[in-house]
Amino acid sequence: MNAHDDAPLYELAASEIAAGSADRGIFAKAFSVALGDEEKSRALYIRYRVEQLKAEIARRVQEEARVSAGGRKAYLAELKRRFGY
């Protein structure tokens, strides 16, 4: 994911803060690291949340690739069963 692709992730994290729906655990970590500074806490929240979202996307992509690979294997096995090659 390049810098332009992740802009929606930053937007999502910022909108979570604005809506008051920020992940409490991530915000607590950010607040702690920022030593109670609210503005720094918001900036750190965005950084941490984007990291979390990127990791989640990577996990989903890996899972989809694994499932797709499994689907191909099943398809090839079915071809071998049906046509004997």
Protein backbone atom coordinates (compact mmCIF):
# COMPACT_ATOMS: atom_id res chain seq x y z
CA MET A 1 0.00 0.00 0.00
CA ASN A 2 1.55 3.30 -1.04
CA ALA A 3 1.11 6.76 0.43
CA HIS A 4 -1.82 7.62 -1.83
CA ASP A 5 -3.66 4.37 -1.20
CA ASP A 6 -3.68 4.81 2.55
CA ALA A 7 -5.27 8.27 2.58
CA PRO A 8 -8.76 6.79 3.17
CA LEU A 9 -7.40 4.97 6.22
CA TYR A 10 -6.18 8.25 7.71
CA GLU A 11 -9.54 9.82 6.89
CA LEU A 12 -11.35 6.95 8.64
CA ALA A 13 -9.19 7.26 11.76
CA ALA A 14 -9.71 11.03 11.89
CA SER A 15 -13.46 10.65 11.43
CA GLU A 16 -13.55 8.14 14.29
CA ILE A 17 -12.06 10.78 16.58
CA ALA A 18 -14.44 13.47 15.31
CA ALA A 19 -17.46 11.20 15.82
CA GLY A 20 -16.35 10.12 19.28
CA SER A 21 -16.12 6.50 18.14
CA ALA A 22 -12.37 6.02 18.49
CA ASP A 23 -11.15 2.63 19.66
CA ARG A 24 -10.76 3.10 23.41
CA GLY A 25 -7.75 0.82 23.75
CA ILE A 26 -5.82 2.47 20.96
CA PHE A 27 -6.72 5.92 22.26
CA ALA A 28 -5.60 4.98 25.78
CA LYS A 29 -2.25 3.85 24.38
CA ALA A 30 -1.91 7.09 22.41
CA PHE A 31 -2.85 9.17 25.46
CA SER A 32 -0.30 7.34 27.57
CA VAL A 33 2.51 7.73 25.05
CA ALA A 34 1.60 11.41 24.61
CA LEU A 35 1.78 11.88 28.39
CA GLY A 36 -1.71 13.29 28.48
CA ASP A 37 -1.30 15.81 25.67
CA GLU A 38 -4.69 15.74 23.89
CA GLU A 39 -3.46 16.98 20.50
CA LYS A 40 -0.54 14.57 20.41
CA SER A 41 -2.91 11.82 21.56
CA ARG A 42 -5.14 12.41 18.54
CA ALA A 43 -2.16 12.37 16.18
CA LEU A 44 -0.83 9.16 17.72
CA TYR A 45 -4.29 7.60 17.63
CA ILE A 46 -4.45 8.20 13.90
CA ARG A 47 -1.00 6.65 13.42
CA TYR A 48 -1.78 3.60 15.55
CA ARG A 49 -5.22 3.10 14.05
CA VAL A 50 -3.89 3.29 10.49
CA GLU A 51 -1.23 0.71 11.40
CA GLN A 52 -3.99 -1.53 12.77
CA LEU A 53 -6.14 -1.09 9.66
CA LYS A 54 -3.19 -1.87 7.36
CA ALA A 55 -2.43 -5.04 9.34
CA GLU A 56 -6.09 -6.07 9.11
CA ILE A 57 -6.10 -5.51 5.35
CA ALA A 58 -2.89 -7.52 4.97
CA ARG A 59 -4.42 -10.41 6.96
CA ARG A 60 -7.54 -10.36 4.79
CA VAL A 61 -5.50 -10.33 1.58
CA GLN A 62 -3.45 -13.29 2.81
CA GLU A 63 -6.60 -15.17 3.77
CA GLU A 64 -8.21 -14.50 0.40
CA ALA A 65 -5.05 -15.69 -1.36
CA ARG A 66 -5.02 -18.84 0.76
CA VAL A 67 -8.68 -19.53 0.03
CA SER A 68 -8.18 -18.83 -3.68
CA ALA A 69 -5.20 -21.19 -3.76
CA GLY A 70 -7.30 -23.83 -2.04
CA GLY A 71 -10.08 -23.28 -4.54
CA ARG A 72 -7.66 -23.75 -7.44
CA LYS A 73 -6.35 -26.96 -5.89
CA ALA A 74 -9.88 -28.29 -5.47
CA TYR A 75 -10.72 -27.35 -9.06
CA LEU A 76 -7.63 -29.10 -10.40
CA ALA A 77 -8.35 -32.16 -8.27
CA GLU A 78 -11.88 -32.26 -9.68
CA LEU A 79 -10.53 -32.03 -13.24
CA LYS A 80 -8.13 -34.89 -12.53
CA ARG A 81 -10.96 -36.97 -11.04
CA ARG A 82 -13.30 -36.30 -13.97
CA PHE A 83 -10.85 -36.53 -16.84
CA GLY A 84 -8.10 -38.71 -15.37
CA TYR A 85 -5.17 -36.35 -15.83
